[in-house]
Each structure stands twice: as structure tokens, then as C-alpha cells.
Amino acid sequence: MQEINRYADSEFRYSDKSDDAAVEKLLRDARLRERAAREMEEMKKKGNW
């Protein structure tokens, strides 16, 4: 029984870290999209797009 509990505990900790990593990736991707949109607008204003 203790082994089962240890396994379950480690799975929960792993899934939490995995969730955190997924959230960080989504945030990074959103920031990159915003940056790309700003840079595209600047390029359009300069006639480079």
C-alpha cells in the first residue's frame, strides 16, 4: 500500500510540473505572437511588408 501511495504522490508532482511547463509555453507563445504582430505593423508602416 505504501508503494502505491508513493507512486501516486510522484505522479501528482510530475503532472503539476508538466502543467506548469505547458502554461509557461502557452504564455511564451502568446508573447511571441504579440511581438510578431507589433513588428509586422512597424514593417508595414515603413513599407517593408
C-alpha atoms as a PDB file:
ATOM      1  CA  MET A   1       0.000   0.000   0.000  1.00  0.00           C
ATOM      2  CA  GLN A   2       2.817   2.433   0.821  1.00  0.00           C
ATOM      3  CA  GLU A   3       4.379   1.808  -2.567  1.00  0.00           C
ATOM      4  CA  ILE A   4       1.094   2.652  -4.280  1.00  0.00           C
ATOM      5  CA  ASN A   5       0.847   5.880  -2.287  1.00  0.00           C
ATOM      6  CA  ARG A   6       4.427   6.849  -3.150  1.00  0.00           C
ATOM      7  CA  TYR A   7       3.763   6.174  -6.830  1.00  0.00           C
ATOM      8  CA  ALA A   8       0.559   8.228  -6.793  1.00  0.00           C
ATOM      9  CA  ASP A   9       2.309  11.073  -4.989  1.00  0.00           C
ATOM     10  CA  SER A  10       5.132  11.155  -7.522  1.00  0.00           C
ATOM     11  CA  GLU A  11       2.626  11.098 -10.390  1.00  0.00           C
ATOM     12  CA  PHE A  12       0.787  14.100  -8.941  1.00  0.00           C
ATOM     13  CA  ARG A  13       4.033  16.020  -8.514  1.00  0.00           C
ATOM     14  CA  TYR A  14       5.094  15.173 -12.063  1.00  0.00           C
ATOM     15  CA  SER A  15       1.751  16.243 -13.531  1.00  0.00           C
ATOM     16  CA  ASP A  16       1.913  19.562 -11.651  1.00  0.00           C
ATOM     17  CA  LYS A  17       5.351  20.290 -13.110  1.00  0.00           C
ATOM     18  CA  SER A  18       4.127  19.236 -16.532  1.00  0.00           C
ATOM     19  CA  ASP A  19       1.117  21.558 -16.242  1.00  0.00           C
ATOM     20  CA  ASP A  20       3.351  24.437 -15.173  1.00  0.00           C
ATOM     21  CA  ALA A  21       5.621  23.847 -18.152  1.00  0.00           C
ATOM     22  CA  ALA A  22       2.639  23.795 -20.518  1.00  0.00           C
ATOM     23  CA  VAL A  23       1.322  27.071 -19.099  1.00  0.00           C
ATOM     24  CA  GLU A  24       4.749  28.688 -19.446  1.00  0.00           C
ATOM     25  CA  LYS A  25       4.932  27.558 -23.076  1.00  0.00           C
ATOM     26  CA  LEU A  26       1.491  28.993 -23.830  1.00  0.00           C
ATOM     27  CA  LEU A  27       2.457  32.312 -22.244  1.00  0.00           C
ATOM     28  CA  ARG A  28       5.710  32.437 -24.191  1.00  0.00           C
ATOM     29  CA  ASP A  29       3.915  31.662 -27.455  1.00  0.00           C
ATOM     30  CA  ALA A  30       1.345  34.394 -26.791  1.00  0.00           C
ATOM     31  CA  ARG A  31       4.105  36.927 -26.097  1.00  0.00           C
ATOM     32  CA  LEU A  32       5.894  35.936 -29.296  1.00  0.00           C
ATOM     33  CA  ARG A  33       2.690  36.362 -31.330  1.00  0.00           C
ATOM     34  CA  GLU A  34       2.167  39.820 -29.837  1.00  0.00           C
ATOM     35  CA  ARG A  35       5.755  40.777 -30.622  1.00  0.00           C
ATOM     36  CA  ALA A  36       5.461  39.476 -34.173  1.00  0.00           C
ATOM     37  CA  ALA A  37       2.253  41.466 -34.708  1.00  0.00           C
ATOM     38  CA  ARG A  38       3.945  44.666 -33.462  1.00  0.00           C
ATOM     39  CA  GLU A  39       6.975  44.101 -35.674  1.00  0.00           C
ATOM     40  CA  MET A  40       4.758  43.411 -38.690  1.00  0.00           C
ATOM     41  CA  GLU A  41       2.888  46.682 -38.098  1.00  0.00           C
ATOM     42  CA  GLU A  42       6.182  48.576 -37.917  1.00  0.00           C
ATOM     43  CA  MET A  43       7.341  46.947 -41.142  1.00  0.00           C
ATOM     44  CA  LYS A  44       4.035  47.834 -42.837  1.00  0.00           C
ATOM     45  CA  LYS A  45       4.422  51.477 -41.771  1.00  0.00           C
ATOM     46  CA  LYS A  46       7.905  51.530 -43.302  1.00  0.00           C
ATOM     47  CA  GLY A  47       6.689  49.773 -46.457  1.00  0.00           C
ATOM     48  CA  ASN A  48       8.816  46.700 -45.859  1.00  0.00           C
ATOM     49  CA  TRP A  49       5.906  44.280 -45.549  1.00  0.00           C
END
